């Protein structure tokens, strides 16, 4: 019978220990050791099929070192995915021999996005490996999103050695693995989804991708804290890490680049979930702005930048007397601690009484943003709701608010001004400390330069 053995592995660096430790002596992480049950199999009980795809390859000579100045740098060869938004976050397309990890919440649309790419990409044969769904389930999704389904091969298997043998047999131009938590290796005697299995299977996929110049895309789960499940070395091993975000109750999805060895990490793409799949959104600002024509209090337009993409998004605020005990501070899509700071600035620097008021802040469209340039729009919506005074619909805001009530300079102000002008806004409020940029000189939009929150209240609300 198989013998069971319990070991503890650091989820950050993979260090093994026979007992649990609160502090990892190898990497210094705290509370990172997790329990793992290892099953020792009897010798000769199974045939070792690891790296069977290599057996038919001719042996090459041993590698030799090469001087850095002798390396010929050429243009990176990329494969088009026929998805402009996906190409954007990848840096222009799939790189030959690259390994990409896509992570996100359950049901957010990771499998749908990659199945669409498999059906549309110009990469030759695609091997779609699923350890979670059967061929019939994938077929139902494919019928819903695309009619042309040629060139895609489905393979419901969880053993990494058989997956690589099948990929080599059909000469796949792209491998999609859904998901890495379900794949197992015969070299590791532990359950699927454990740290050892994820590390070993990822290493096998990376080795195959590099030696055959075949791009590999891996779907990864996330834990309850929102981090990518598995060892931290998983993110270090792959070439590109993409995060798929969004609210399941809204139609918008955001694809962020967390790591990219072949491009910028400042890119962001947006999709809209429909019945027939995910549709790229080329102009997200028009969809994130309010569709009503009336002037309503508590609404302000923020001109923010996510990566290198400017976005105009509606910021909504509601302030009402607290009649049910302690006042509430609720923020959706905005940092709640930063909201508390902005409320303290309004009380201390502007004299507004908010101690016994319920405050609710929402970013329209289910977006979650962390740009400091949102501060001024949040301040504007808060004052507008408190005074019950609507703001002009053709004015937007971009500025960071400090603890002293000053409006601080922000980055990429040129992009924000150009986006506001392109969408037909007549004025934009920014910090006067941004200096003289090219956009300030050539822009046809009115620039309202502000120094403090008090000056902002006098210039904007008294003239609205």
Foldseek 3Di string as FASTA:
>chain_A
DKDKAKWKAFQAPGDIDSDDDQADPPPGDGPRIDIFIFIHDDPPPDDALAPVLCPPPDDDDDDDDDDPVPDDDDDFDFWDLPAVQVCQQQARHHTFLAEEEEEEAPPLAPVLVVQSSQQRTPQAAEEEEAQPDDPVVVVVLCVLADDRRPRYHYHHDAELSVVLNVCSVVVHQEYEYHALQRHAYPVGRGHRNAQVGSVVSLVSSSVSRNVSRHYYYHYFYADPVRHTRYHSVSVVSGAWYWYWDFDPVFFKIKIATPGHPNHDRLGMWMWGQDRNGTDTDPACQVVQDDPDDDFFALKAWAFFGRRNATHIHIKGKAKAFAPPPFAAQEEQLEDSVVVVLLVLLCCPVVVDDRRRIHMYMYIGRRHRDDFQQCSVRNNRSVVRNVVRPGFDPQEHEGFHADSNQWTDAGPPVLNSLVVSVVVPRQEYEHAPVNDDDPCVVPPPHHYHHDTGVVRVCVPGRVVD
